[in-house]
PDB file of N, CA and C in Angstrom:
ATOM      1  N   MET A   1      -9.334  -8.461   3.697  1.00  0.00           N
ATOM      2  CA  MET A   1      -8.454  -7.928   2.683  1.00  0.00           C
ATOM      3  C   MET A   1      -8.285  -6.439   2.874  1.00  0.00           C
ATOM      4  N   TYR A   2      -7.074  -5.999   2.656  1.00  0.00           N
ATOM      5  CA  TYR A   2      -6.748  -4.601   2.899  1.00  0.00           C
ATOM      6  C   TYR A   2      -7.462  -3.664   1.929  1.00  0.00           C
ATOM      7  N   GLN A   3      -7.740  -4.141   0.726  1.00  0.00           N
ATOM      8  CA  GLN A   3      -8.431  -3.295  -0.250  1.00  0.00           C
ATOM      9  C   GLN A   3      -9.757  -2.782   0.306  1.00  0.00           C
ATOM     10  N   ASN A   4     -10.480  -3.653   1.004  1.00  0.00           N
ATOM     11  CA  ASN A   4     -11.760  -3.250   1.588  1.00  0.00           C
ATOM     12  C   ASN A   4     -11.568  -2.138   2.610  1.00  0.00           C
ATOM     13  N   GLN A   5     -10.548  -2.282   3.451  1.00  0.00           N
ATOM     14  CA  GLN A   5     -10.271  -1.257   4.461  1.00  0.00           C
ATOM     15  C   GLN A   5      -9.917   0.071   3.801  1.00  0.00           C
ATOM     16  N   LEU A   6      -9.142  -0.003   2.726  1.00  0.00           N
ATOM     17  CA  LEU A   6      -8.735   1.214   2.022  1.00  0.00           C
ATOM     18  C   LEU A   6      -9.939   1.906   1.387  1.00  0.00           C
ATOM     19  N   ILE A   7     -10.798   1.133   0.757  1.00  0.00           N
ATOM     20  CA  ILE A   7     -12.010   1.694   0.147  1.00  0.00           C
ATOM     21  C   ILE A   7     -12.904   2.303   1.221  1.00  0.00           C
ATOM     22  N   ASP A   8     -13.085   1.589   2.321  1.00  0.00           N
ATOM     23  CA  ASP A   8     -13.934   2.102   3.408  1.00  0.00           C
ATOM     24  C   ASP A   8     -13.357   3.360   4.039  1.00  0.00           C
ATOM     25  N   ALA A   9     -12.042   3.403   4.215  1.00  0.00           N
ATOM     26  CA  ALA A   9     -11.408   4.604   4.780  1.00  0.00           C
ATOM     27  C   ALA A   9     -11.595   5.798   3.850  1.00  0.00           C
ATOM     28  N   TYR A  10     -11.486   5.564   2.557  1.00  0.00           N
ATOM     29  CA  TYR A  10     -11.691   6.633   1.573  1.00  0.00           C
ATOM     30  C   TYR A  10     -13.142   7.114   1.612  1.00  0.00           C
ATOM     31  N   LYS A  11     -14.073   6.161   1.675  1.00  0.00           N
ATOM     32  CA  LYS A  11     -15.491   6.537   1.745  1.00  0.00           C
ATOM     33  C   LYS A  11     -15.768   7.382   2.989  1.00  0.00           C
ATOM     34  N   THR A  12     -15.184   7.002   4.100  1.00  0.00           N
ATOM     35  CA  THR A  12     -15.370   7.754   5.339  1.00  0.00           C
ATOM     36  C   THR A  12     -14.789   9.157   5.211  1.00  0.00           C
ATOM     37  N   ALA A  13     -13.588   9.253   4.657  1.00  0.00           N
ATOM     38  CA  ALA A  13     -12.925  10.552   4.509  1.00  0.00           C
ATOM     39  C   ALA A  13     -13.719  11.486   3.598  1.00  0.00           C
ATOM     40  N   LYS A  14     -14.360  10.927   2.585  1.00  0.00           N
ATOM     41  CA  LYS A  14     -15.123  11.726   1.624  1.00  0.00           C
ATOM     42  C   LYS A  14     -16.606  11.834   1.989  1.00  0.00           C
ATOM     43  N   ASN A  15     -17.007  11.199   3.097  1.00  0.00           N
ATOM     44  CA  ASN A  15     -18.419  11.145   3.493  1.00  0.00           C
ATOM     45  C   ASN A  15     -19.287  10.539   2.399  1.00  0.00           C
ATOM     46  N   TYR A  16     -18.762   9.514   1.753  1.00  0.00           N
ATOM     47  CA  TYR A  16     -19.504   8.801   0.722  1.00  0.00           C
ATOM     48  C   TYR A  16     -20.318   7.684   1.360  1.00  0.00           C
ATOM     49  N   ILE A  17     -21.392   7.330   0.689  1.00  0.00           N
ATOM     50  CA  ILE A  17     -22.261   6.265   1.159  1.00  0.00           C
ATOM     51  C   ILE A  17     -22.113   5.021   0.281  1.00  0.00           C
ATOM     52  N   GLN A  18     -21.939   5.227  -1.011  1.00  0.00           N
ATOM     53  CA  GLN A  18     -21.928   4.113  -1.949  1.00  0.00           C
ATOM     54  C   GLN A  18     -20.550   3.908  -2.594  1.00  0.00           C
ATOM     55  N   ASP A  19     -20.283   2.650  -2.919  1.00  0.00           N
ATOM     56  CA  ASP A  19     -19.025   2.311  -3.578  1.00  0.00           C
ATOM     57  C   ASP A  19     -18.923   2.933  -4.968  1.00  0.00           C
ATOM     58  N   LYS A  20     -20.064   3.157  -5.609  1.00  0.00           N
ATOM     59  CA  LYS A  20     -20.021   3.724  -6.957  1.00  0.00           C
ATOM     60  C   LYS A  20     -19.439   5.139  -6.952  1.00  0.00           C
ATOM     61  N   GLN A  21     -19.510   5.819  -5.810  1.00  0.00           N
ATOM     62  CA  GLN A  21     -18.889   7.137  -5.704  1.00  0.00           C
ATOM     63  C   GLN A  21     -17.364   7.017  -5.745  1.00  0.00           C
ATOM     64  N   VAL A  22     -16.857   5.976  -5.118  1.00  0.00           N
ATOM     65  CA  VAL A  22     -15.414   5.709  -5.138  1.00  0.00           C
ATOM     66  C   VAL A  22     -14.996   5.345  -6.558  1.00  0.00           C
ATOM     67  N   ALA A  23     -15.784   4.498  -7.201  1.00  0.00           N
ATOM     68  CA  ALA A  23     -15.491   4.095  -8.581  1.00  0.00           C
ATOM     69  C   ALA A  23     -15.427   5.312  -9.500  1.00  0.00           C
ATOM     70  N   HIS A  24     -16.349   6.233  -9.309  1.00  0.00           N
ATOM     71  CA  HIS A  24     -16.353   7.455 -10.124  1.00  0.00           C
ATOM     72  C   HIS A  24     -15.060   8.240  -9.940  1.00  0.00           C
ATOM     73  N   ASP A  25     -14.625   8.399  -8.682  1.00  0.00           N
ATOM     74  CA  ASP A  25     -13.389   9.146  -8.402  1.00  0.00           C
ATOM     75  C   ASP A  25     -12.166   8.457  -9.000  1.00  0.00           C
ATOM     76  N   LEU A  26     -12.193   7.116  -9.034  1.00  0.00           N
ATOM     77  CA  LEU A  26     -11.071   6.362  -9.607  1.00  0.00           C
ATOM     78  C   LEU A  26     -11.160   6.259 -11.124  1.00  0.00           C
ATOM     79  N   GLY A  27     -12.317   6.619 -11.679  1.00  0.00           N
ATOM     80  CA  GLY A  27     -12.507   6.541 -13.130  1.00  0.00           C
ATOM     81  C   GLY A  27     -12.613   5.109 -13.633  1.00  0.00           C
ATOM     82  N   ILE A  28     -13.265   4.267 -12.836  1.00  0.00           N
ATOM     83  CA  ILE A  28     -13.411   2.854 -13.191  1.00  0.00           C
ATOM     84  C   ILE A  28     -14.891   2.481 -13.127  1.00  0.00           C
ATOM     85  N   PRO A  29     -15.274   1.382 -13.783  1.00  0.00           N
ATOM     86  CA  PRO A  29     -16.674   0.933 -13.676  1.00  0.00           C
ATOM     87  C   PRO A  29     -17.011   0.560 -12.236  1.00  0.00           C
ATOM     88  N   LYS A  30     -18.252   0.791 -11.831  1.00  0.00           N
ATOM     89  CA  LYS A  30     -18.643   0.514 -10.446  1.00  0.00           C
ATOM     90  C   LYS A  30     -18.513  -0.961 -10.088  1.00  0.00           C
ATOM     91  N   GLN A  31     -18.618  -1.854 -11.081  1.00  0.00           N
ATOM     92  CA  GLN A  31     -18.472  -3.283 -10.822  1.00  0.00           C
ATOM     93  C   GLN A  31     -17.058  -3.624 -10.361  1.00  0.00           C
ATOM     94  N   ARG A  32     -16.095  -2.811 -10.750  1.00  0.00           N
ATOM     95  CA  ARG A  32     -14.694  -3.066 -10.386  1.00  0.00           C
ATOM     96  C   ARG A  32     -14.513  -3.022  -8.870  1.00  0.00           C
ATOM     97  N   ILE A  33     -15.214  -2.117  -8.196  1.00  0.00           N
ATOM     98  CA  ILE A  33     -15.112  -2.039  -6.735  1.00  0.00           C
ATOM     99  C   ILE A  33     -15.599  -3.338  -6.115  1.00  0.00           C
ATOM    100  N   SER A  34     -16.673  -3.888  -6.661  1.00  0.00           N
ATOM    101  CA  SER A  34     -17.177  -5.169  -6.176  1.00  0.00           C
ATOM    102  C   SER A  34     -16.139  -6.270  -6.395  1.00  0.00           C
ATOM    103  N   GLU A  35     -15.455  -6.237  -7.517  1.00  0.00           N
ATOM    104  CA  GLU A  35     -14.402  -7.220  -7.796  1.00  0.00           C
ATOM    105  C   GLU A  35     -13.238  -7.069  -6.814  1.00  0.00           C
ATOM    106  N   TYR A  36     -12.925  -5.829  -6.464  1.00  0.00           N
ATOM    107  CA  TYR A  36     -11.880  -5.602  -5.448  1.00  0.00           C
ATOM    108  C   TYR A  36     -12.320  -6.178  -4.105  1.00  0.00           C
ATOM    109  N   ARG A  37     -13.553  -5.906  -3.749  1.00  0.00           N
ATOM    110  CA  ARG A  37     -14.056  -6.350  -2.446  1.00  0.00           C
ATOM    111  C   ARG A  37     -14.138  -7.877  -2.345  1.00  0.00           C
ATOM    112  N   ASN A  38     -14.419  -8.533  -3.452  1.00  0.00           N
ATOM    113  CA  ASN A  38     -14.533  -9.990  -3.465  1.00  0.00           C
ATOM    114  C   ASN A  38     -13.205 -10.696  -3.707  1.00  0.00           C
ATOM    115  N   GLY A  39     -12.147  -9.941  -3.958  1.00  0.00           N
ATOM    116  CA  GLY A  39     -10.834 -10.535  -4.193  1.00  0.00           C
ATOM    117  C   GLY A  39     -10.641 -11.085  -5.592  1.00  0.00           C
ATOM    118  N   LYS A  40     -11.549 -10.770  -6.498  1.00  0.00           N
ATOM    119  CA  LYS A  40     -11.402 -11.235  -7.879  1.00  0.00           C
ATOM    120  C   LYS A  40     -10.372 -10.418  -8.645  1.00  0.00           C
ATOM    121  N   ARG A  41     -10.183  -9.206  -8.219  1.00  0.00           N
ATOM    122  CA  ARG A  41      -9.195  -8.300  -8.816  1.00  0.00           C
ATOM    123  C   ARG A  41      -8.458  -7.583  -7.705  1.00  0.00           C
ATOM    124  N   HIS A  42      -7.306  -7.049  -8.077  1.00  0.00           N
ATOM    125  CA  HIS A  42      -6.539  -6.224  -7.144  1.00  0.00           C
ATOM    126  C   HIS A  42      -6.357  -4.843  -7.748  1.00  0.00           C
ATOM    127  N   MET A  43      -6.513  -3.843  -6.912  1.00  0.00           N
ATOM    128  CA  MET A  43      -6.342  -2.485  -7.408  1.00  0.00           C
ATOM    129  C   MET A  43      -4.870  -2.232  -7.720  1.00  0.00           C
ATOM    130  N   SER A  44      -4.642  -1.273  -8.578  1.00  0.00           N
ATOM    131  CA  SER A  44      -3.272  -0.927  -8.952  1.00  0.00           C
ATOM    132  C   SER A  44      -2.622  -0.124  -7.820  1.00  0.00           C
ATOM    133  N   ASP A  45      -1.311  -0.040  -7.883  1.00  0.00           N
ATOM    134  CA  ASP A  45      -0.592   0.766  -6.901  1.00  0.00           C
ATOM    135  C   ASP A  45      -1.035   2.222  -6.972  1.00  0.00           C
ATOM    136  N   THR A  46      -1.252   2.715  -8.178  1.00  0.00           N
ATOM    137  CA  THR A  46      -1.688   4.103  -8.363  1.00  0.00           C
ATOM    138  C   THR A  46      -3.041   4.340  -7.693  1.00  0.00           C
ATOM    139  N   GLN A  47      -3.950   3.402  -7.852  1.00  0.00           N
ATOM    140  CA  GLN A  47      -5.266   3.541  -7.226  1.00  0.00           C
ATOM    141  C   GLN A  47      -5.147   3.493  -5.707  1.00  0.00           C
ATOM    142  N   ALA A  48      -4.313   2.586  -5.198  1.00  0.00           N
ATOM    143  CA  ALA A  48      -4.117   2.472  -3.751  1.00  0.00           C
ATOM    144  C   ALA A  48      -3.514   3.757  -3.189  1.00  0.00           C
ATOM    145  N   ILE A  49      -2.555   4.323  -3.890  1.00  0.00           N
ATOM    146  CA  ILE A  49      -1.936   5.571  -3.441  1.00  0.00           C
ATOM    147  C   ILE A  49      -2.963   6.692  -3.419  1.00  0.00           C
ATOM    148  N   PHE A  50      -3.786   6.781  -4.461  1.00  0.00           N
ATOM    149  CA  PHE A  50      -4.832   7.808  -4.521  1.00  0.00           C
ATOM    150  C   PHE A  50      -5.780   7.694  -3.328  1.00  0.00           C
ATOM    151  N   LEU A  51      -6.257   6.479  -3.069  1.00  0.00           N
ATOM    152  CA  LEU A  51      -7.182   6.278  -1.956  1.00  0.00           C
ATOM    153  C   LEU A  51      -6.512   6.582  -0.622  1.00  0.00           C
ATOM    154  N   ALA A  52      -5.278   6.102  -0.454  1.00  0.00           N
ATOM    155  CA  ALA A  52      -4.560   6.302   0.805  1.00  0.00           C
ATOM    156  C   ALA A  52      -4.310   7.784   1.069  1.00  0.00           C
ATOM    157  N   GLU A  53      -3.818   8.494   0.071  1.00  0.00           N
ATOM    158  CA  GLU A  53      -3.535   9.921   0.262  1.00  0.00           C
ATOM    159  C   GLU A  53      -4.787  10.692   0.650  1.00  0.00           C
ATOM    160  N   ASN A  54      -5.901  10.367   0.023  1.00  0.00           N
ATOM    161  CA  ASN A  54      -7.147  11.077   0.301  1.00  0.00           C
ATOM    162  C   ASN A  54      -7.822  10.622   1.583  1.00  0.00           C
ATOM    163  N   ALA A  55      -7.379   9.493   2.137  1.00  0.00           N
ATOM    164  CA  ALA A  55      -7.921   9.001   3.410  1.00  0.00           C
ATOM    165  C   ALA A  55      -6.928   9.226   4.547  1.00  0.00           C
ATOM    166  N   ASN A  56      -5.858   9.962   4.272  1.00  0.00           N
ATOM    167  CA  ASN A  56      -4.810  10.240   5.264  1.00  0.00           C
ATOM    168  C   ASN A  56      -4.187   8.965   5.833  1.00  0.00           C
ATOM    169  N   ILE A  57      -3.906   8.023   4.928  1.00  0.00           N
ATOM    170  CA  ILE A  57      -3.218   6.786   5.290  1.00  0.00           C
ATOM    171  C   ILE A  57      -1.845   6.850   4.648  1.00  0.00           C
ATOM    172  N   ASP A  58      -0.838   6.404   5.370  1.00  0.00           N
ATOM    173  CA  ASP A  58       0.521   6.395   4.844  1.00  0.00           C
ATOM    174  C   ASP A  58       0.572   5.534   3.581  1.00  0.00           C
ATOM    175  N   ILE A  59       1.080   6.089   2.485  1.00  0.00           N
ATOM    176  CA  ILE A  59       1.083   5.345   1.227  1.00  0.00           C
ATOM    177  C   ILE A  59       2.007   4.129   1.282  1.00  0.00           C
ATOM    178  N   HIS A  60       3.062   4.205   2.077  1.00  0.00           N
ATOM    179  CA  HIS A  60       3.965   3.063   2.225  1.00  0.00           C
ATOM    180  C   HIS A  60       3.226   1.883   2.852  1.00  0.00           C
ATOM    181  N   GLU A  61       2.475   2.188   3.883  1.00  0.00           N
ATOM    182  CA  GLU A  61       1.678   1.169   4.555  1.00  0.00           C
ATOM    183  C   GLU A  61       0.667   0.561   3.585  1.00  0.00           C
ATOM    184  N   ALA A  62      -0.008   1.419   2.835  1.00  0.00           N
ATOM    185  CA  ALA A  62      -1.012   0.945   1.884  1.00  0.00           C
ATOM    186  C   ALA A  62      -0.395   0.009   0.849  1.00  0.00           C
ATOM    187  N   LEU A  63       0.766   0.366   0.328  1.00  0.00           N
ATOM    188  CA  LEU A  63       1.395  -0.469  -0.691  1.00  0.00           C
ATOM    189  C   LEU A  63       1.881  -1.798  -0.126  1.00  0.00           C
ATOM    190  N   ILE A  64       2.384  -1.788   1.083  1.00  0.00           N
ATOM    191  CA  ILE A  64       2.850  -3.037   1.700  1.00  0.00           C
ATOM    192  C   ILE A  64       1.675  -3.989   1.930  1.00  0.00           C
ATOM    193  N   TYR A  65       0.599  -3.483   2.504  1.00  0.00           N
ATOM    194  CA  TYR A  65      -0.559  -4.342   2.759  1.00  0.00           C
ATOM    195  C   TYR A  65      -1.233  -4.772   1.448  1.00  0.00           C
ATOM    196  N   LEU A  66      -1.205  -3.925   0.441  1.00  0.00           N
ATOM    197  CA  LEU A  66      -1.751  -4.296  -0.863  1.00  0.00           C
ATOM    198  C   LEU A  66      -0.921  -5.424  -1.476  1.00  0.00           C
ATOM    199  N   ALA A  67       0.399  -5.340  -1.368  1.00  0.00           N
ATOM    200  CA  ALA A  67       1.268  -6.406  -1.874  1.00  0.00           C
ATOM    201  C   ALA A  67       0.992  -7.713  -1.148  1.00  0.00           C
ATOM    202  N   ALA A  68       0.733  -7.622   0.132  1.00  0.00           N
ATOM    203  CA  ALA A  68       0.404  -8.823   0.908  1.00  0.00           C
ATOM    204  C   ALA A  68      -0.890  -9.451   0.399  1.00  0.00           C
ATOM    205  N   ASP A  69      -1.855  -8.621   0.052  1.00  0.00           N
ATOM    206  CA  ASP A  69      -3.116  -9.126  -0.495  1.00  0.00           C
ATOM    207  C   ASP A  69      -2.915  -9.831  -1.832  1.00  0.00           C
ATOM    208  N   LYS A  70      -1.950  -9.354  -2.629  1.00  0.00           N
ATOM    209  CA  LYS A  70      -1.747  -9.882  -3.976  1.00  0.00           C
ATOM    210  C   LYS A  70      -1.006 -11.216  -4.003  1.00  0.00           C
ATOM    211  N   ALA A  71      -0.370 -11.591  -2.919  1.00  0.00           N
ATOM    212  CA  ALA A  71       0.427 -12.822  -2.894  1.00  0.00           C
ATOM    213  C   ALA A  71      -0.448 -14.033  -3.195  1.00  0.00           C
ATOM    214  N   LYS A  72       0.000 -14.867  -4.127  1.00  0.00           N
ATOM    215  CA  LYS A  72      -0.781 -16.039  -4.525  1.00  0.00           C
ATOM    216  C   LYS A  72      -0.180 -17.330  -3.987  1.00  0.00           C
ATOM    217  N   ASP A  73       1.111 -17.402  -3.932  1.00  0.00           N
ATOM    218  CA  ASP A  73       1.810 -18.584  -3.447  1.00  0.00           C
ATOM    219  C   ASP A  73       1.649 -18.694  -1.931  1.00  0.00           C
ATOM    220  N   HIS A  74       1.438 -19.899  -1.430  1.00  0.00           N
ATOM    221  CA  HIS A  74       1.222 -20.101   0.007  1.00  0.00           C
ATOM    222  C   HIS A  74       2.414 -19.602   0.829  1.00  0.00           C
ATOM    223  N   LYS A  75       3.618 -19.869   0.370  1.00  0.00           N
ATOM    224  CA  LYS A  75       4.808 -19.442   1.101  1.00  0.00           C
ATOM    225  C   LYS A  75       4.902 -17.912   1.121  1.00  0.00           C
ATOM    226  N   ALA A  76       4.586 -17.294  -0.016  1.00  0.00           N
ATOM    227  CA  ALA A  76       4.603 -15.826  -0.085  1.00  0.00           C
ATOM    228  C   ALA A  76       3.539 -15.238   0.831  1.00  0.00           C
ATOM    229  N   GLN A  77       2.364 -15.858   0.869  1.00  0.00           N
ATOM    230  CA  GLN A  77       1.294 -15.381   1.747  1.00  0.00           C
ATOM    231  C   GLN A  77       1.737 -15.439   3.203  1.00  0.00           C
ATOM    232  N   GLN A  78       2.391 -16.527   3.580  1.00  0.00           N
ATOM    233  CA  GLN A  78       2.877 -16.658   4.957  1.00  0.00           C
ATOM    234  C   GLN A  78       3.945 -15.610   5.262  1.00  0.00           C
ATOM    235  N   ALA A  79       4.844 -15.383   4.306  1.00  0.00           N
ATOM    236  CA  ALA A  79       5.896 -14.388   4.511  1.00  0.00           C
ATOM    237  C   ALA A  79       5.293 -13.001   4.684  1.00  0.00           C
ATOM    238  N   TRP A  80       4.342 -12.638   3.823  1.00  0.00           N
ATOM    239  CA  TRP A  80       3.692 -11.333   3.941  1.00  0.00           C
ATOM    240  C   TRP A  80       2.909 -11.234   5.246  1.00  0.00           C
ATOM    241  N   GLN A  81       2.295 -12.327   5.667  1.00  0.00           N
ATOM    242  CA  GLN A  81       1.555 -12.321   6.934  1.00  0.00           C
ATOM    243  C   GLN A  81       2.514 -12.051   8.091  1.00  0.00           C
ATOM    244  N   ASP A  82       3.693 -12.667   8.053  1.00  0.00           N
ATOM    245  CA  ASP A  82       4.713 -12.421   9.084  1.00  0.00           C
ATOM    246  C   ASP A  82       5.171 -10.962   9.065  1.00  0.00           C
ATOM    247  N   ILE A  83       5.408 -10.442   7.859  1.00  0.00           N
ATOM    248  CA  ILE A  83       5.873  -9.050   7.719  1.00  0.00           C
ATOM    249  C   ILE A  83       4.840  -8.076   8.260  1.00  0.00           C
ATOM    250  N   THR A  84       3.581  -8.258   7.851  1.00  0.00           N
ATOM    251  CA  THR A  84       2.553  -7.322   8.309  1.00  0.00           C
ATOM    252  C   THR A  84       2.301  -7.453   9.800  1.00  0.00           C
ATOM    253  N   ALA A  85       2.425  -8.666  10.346  1.00  0.00           N
ATOM    254  CA  ALA A  85       2.268  -8.847  11.797  1.00  0.00           C
ATOM    255  C   ALA A  85       3.383  -8.117  12.538  1.00  0.00           C
ATOM    256  N   LYS A  86       4.613  -8.223  12.042  1.00  0.00           N
ATOM    257  CA  LYS A  86       5.738  -7.525  12.676  1.00  0.00           C
ATOM    258  C   LYS A  86       5.553  -6.018  12.587  1.00  0.00           C
ATOM    259  N   LEU A  87       5.075  -5.557  11.431  1.00  0.00           N
ATOM    260  CA  LEU A  87       4.836  -4.119  11.275  1.00  0.00           C
ATOM    261  C   LEU A  87       3.800  -3.634  12.273  1.00  0.00           C
ATOM    262  N   SER A  88       2.747  -4.406  12.444  1.00  0.00           N
ATOM    263  CA  SER A  88       1.688  -4.022  13.385  1.00  0.00           C
ATOM    264  C   SER A  88       2.203  -4.013  14.816  1.00  0.00           C
ATOM    265  N   ASN A  89       3.016  -5.004  15.176  1.00  0.00           N
ATOM    266  CA  ASN A  89       3.532  -5.100  16.544  1.00  0.00           C
ATOM    267  C   ASN A  89       4.581  -4.039  16.852  1.00  0.00           C
ATOM    268  N   GLN A  90       5.417  -3.729  15.889  1.00  0.00           N
ATOM    269  CA  GLN A  90       6.529  -2.808  16.126  1.00  0.00           C
ATOM    270  C   GLN A  90       6.173  -1.366  15.820  1.00  0.00           C
ATOM    271  N   GLY A  91       5.040  -1.159  15.219  1.00  0.00           N
ATOM    272  CA  GLY A  91       4.676   0.198  14.838  1.00  0.00           C
ATOM    273  C   GLY A  91       5.207   0.484  13.456  1.00  0.00           C
ATOM    274  N   PHE A  92       4.324   0.692  12.555  1.00  0.00           N
ATOM    275  CA  PHE A  92       4.692   0.864  11.153  1.00  0.00           C
ATOM    276  C   PHE A  92       5.545   2.095  10.933  1.00  0.00           C
ATOM    277  N   ARG A  93       5.313   3.160  11.654  1.00  0.00           N
ATOM    278  CA  ARG A  93       6.035   4.412  11.434  1.00  0.00           C
ATOM    279  C   ARG A  93       7.542   4.255  11.596  1.00  0.00           C
ATOM    280  N   GLY A  94       7.957   3.469  12.576  1.00  0.00           N
ATOM    281  CA  GLY A  94       9.386   3.273  12.796  1.00  0.00           C
ATOM    282  C   GLY A  94      10.060   2.634  11.606  1.00  0.00           C
ATOM    283  N   LEU A  95       9.396   1.666  10.991  1.00  0.00           N
ATOM    284  CA  LEU A  95       9.956   1.017   9.824  1.00  0.00           C
ATOM    285  C   LEU A  95      10.045   1.983   8.658  1.00  0.00           C
ATOM    286  N   VAL A  96       9.007   2.756   8.452  1.00  0.00           N
ATOM    287  CA  VAL A  96       9.004   3.706   7.343  1.00  0.00           C
ATOM    288  C   VAL A  96      10.131   4.716   7.512  1.00  0.00           C
ATOM    289  N   LEU A  97      10.304   5.210   8.728  1.00  0.00           N
ATOM    290  CA  LEU A  97      11.382   6.169   8.959  1.00  0.00           C
ATOM    291  C   LEU A  97      12.740   5.528   8.701  1.00  0.00           C
ATOM    292  N   GLY A  98      12.900   4.286   9.109  1.00  0.00           N
ATOM    293  CA  GLY A  98      14.156   3.590   8.875  1.00  0.00           C
ATOM    294  C   GLY A  98      14.419   3.380   7.399  1.00  0.00           C
ATOM    295  N   LEU A  99      13.411   2.946   6.661  1.00  0.00           N
ATOM    296  CA  LEU A  99      13.572   2.742   5.228  1.00  0.00           C
ATOM    297  C   LEU A  99      13.816   4.049   4.507  1.00  0.00           C
ATOM    298  N   THR A 100      13.100   5.093   4.901  1.00  0.00           N
ATOM    299  CA  THR A 100      13.271   6.392   4.271  1.00  0.00           C
ATOM    300  C   THR A 100      14.686   6.902   4.483  1.00  0.00           C
ATOM    301  N   GLY A 101      15.195   6.751   5.685  1.00  0.00           N
ATOM    302  CA  GLY A 101      16.562   7.173   5.966  1.00  0.00           C
ATOM    303  C   GLY A 101      17.569   6.395   5.162  1.00  0.00           C
ATOM    304  N   PHE A 102      17.366   5.089   5.031  1.00  0.00           N
ATOM    305  CA  PHE A 102      18.280   4.266   4.246  1.00  0.00           C
ATOM    306  C   PHE A 102      18.228   4.657   2.779  1.00  0.00           C
ATOM    307  N   LEU A 103      17.020   4.820   2.246  1.00  0.00           N
ATOM    308  CA  LEU A 103      16.882   5.155   0.832  1.00  0.00           C
ATOM    309  C   LEU A 103      17.447   6.529   0.515  1.00  0.00           C
ATOM    310  N   ALA A 104      17.442   7.415   1.484  1.00  0.00           N
ATOM    311  CA  ALA A 104      18.036   8.733   1.265  1.00  0.00           C
ATOM    312  C   ALA A 104      19.542   8.617   1.064  1.00  0.00           C
ATOM    313  N   LEU A 105      20.156   7.584   1.629  1.00  0.00           N
ATOM    314  CA  LEU A 105      21.589   7.385   1.492  1.00  0.00           C
ATOM    315  C   LEU A 105      21.974   6.647   0.223  1.00  0.00           C
ATOM    316  N   VAL A 106      21.047   5.950  -0.394  1.00  0.00           N
ATOM    317  CA  VAL A 106      21.366   5.107  -1.547  1.00  0.00           C
ATOM    318  C   VAL A 106      22.057   5.866  -2.668  1.00  0.00           C
ATOM    319  N   PRO A 107      21.608   7.066  -3.070  1.00  0.00           N
ATOM    320  CA  PRO A 107      22.304   7.752  -4.162  1.00  0.00           C
ATOM    321  C   PRO A 107      23.760   8.084  -3.837  1.00  0.00           C
ATOM    322  N   THR A 108      24.090   8.234  -2.559  1.00  0.00           N
ATOM    323  CA  THR A 108      25.462   8.588  -2.215  1.00  0.00           C
ATOM    324  C   THR A 108      26.368   7.366  -2.132  1.00  0.00           C
ATOM    325  N   ILE A 109      25.806   6.187  -2.023  1.00  0.00           N
ATOM    326  CA  ILE A 109      26.622   4.980  -1.890  1.00  0.00           C
ATOM    327  C   ILE A 109      27.485   4.751  -3.128  1.00  0.00           C
ATOM    328  N   PRO A 110      26.942   4.807  -4.364  1.00  0.00           N
ATOM    329  CA  PRO A 110      27.810   4.602  -5.522  1.00  0.00           C
ATOM    330  C   PRO A 110      28.893   5.675  -5.637  1.00  0.00           C
ATOM    331  N   GLN A 111      28.567   6.923  -5.284  1.00  0.00           N
ATOM    332  CA  GLN A 111      29.574   7.985  -5.339  1.00  0.00           C
ATOM    333  C   GLN A 111      30.688   7.701  -4.341  1.00  0.00           C
ATOM    334  N   TYR A 112      30.315   7.246  -3.154  1.00  0.00           N
ATOM    335  CA  TYR A 112      31.325   6.918  -2.143  1.00  0.00           C
ATOM    336  C   TYR A 112      32.192   5.771  -2.616  1.00  0.00           C
ATOM    337  N   ALA A 113      31.570   4.779  -3.241  1.00  0.00           N
ATOM    338  CA  ALA A 113      32.340   3.624  -3.728  1.00  0.00           C
ATOM    339  C   ALA A 113      33.324   4.059  -4.796  1.00  0.00           C
ATOM    340  N   LEU A 114      32.919   4.964  -5.678  1.00  0.00           N
ATOM    341  CA  LEU A 114      33.825   5.445  -6.710  1.00  0.00           C
ATOM    342  C   LEU A 114      34.962   6.256  -6.109  1.00  0.00           C
ATOM    343  N   CYS A 115      34.660   7.045  -5.096  1.00  0.00           N
ATOM    344  CA  CYS A 115      35.702   7.859  -4.462  1.00  0.00           C
ATOM    345  C   CYS A 115      36.757   6.973  -3.790  1.00  0.00           C
ATOM    346  N   THR A 116      36.354   5.887  -3.187  1.00  0.00           N
ATOM    347  CA  THR A 116      37.322   5.040  -2.501  1.00  0.00           C
ATOM    348  C   THR A 116      38.145   4.232  -3.486  1.00  0.00           C
ATOM    349  N   MET A 117      37.627   4.061  -4.715  1.00  0.00           N
ATOM    350  CA  MET A 117      38.368   3.299  -5.714  1.00  0.00           C
ATOM    351  C   MET A 117      39.515   4.124  -6.284  1.00  0.00           C
ATOM    352  N   TRP A 118      39.419   5.422  -6.301  1.00  0.00           N
ATOM    353  CA  TRP A 118      40.449   6.269  -6.881  1.00  0.00           C
ATOM    354  C   TRP A 118      41.556   6.386  -5.933  1.00  0.00           C
TER     355      TRP A 118
END
């Protein structure tokens, strides 16, 4: 599960030894980290972003892999597995740059559509 990798990367970045140190930084009970590690709970997007930023992991990557972990339906799990496999094979950075470029254009699309209607 990606949550474990994210927690471990954060611990390494902070030179922490125990999970309870991570729990303290997140402001959650130490048992919650154990629940994350066992798959009984999933961390929030905000928590994942906090850990990723402090571990120098791309937050987009962290959120995508976290969403894959959260999938409950078998078909959704397979789809996320395919997506993450493609990201790993093609290099995640290229996808992020492509999405970022597209999203930068989104606010101008409605303005362009209105201009062509007049």
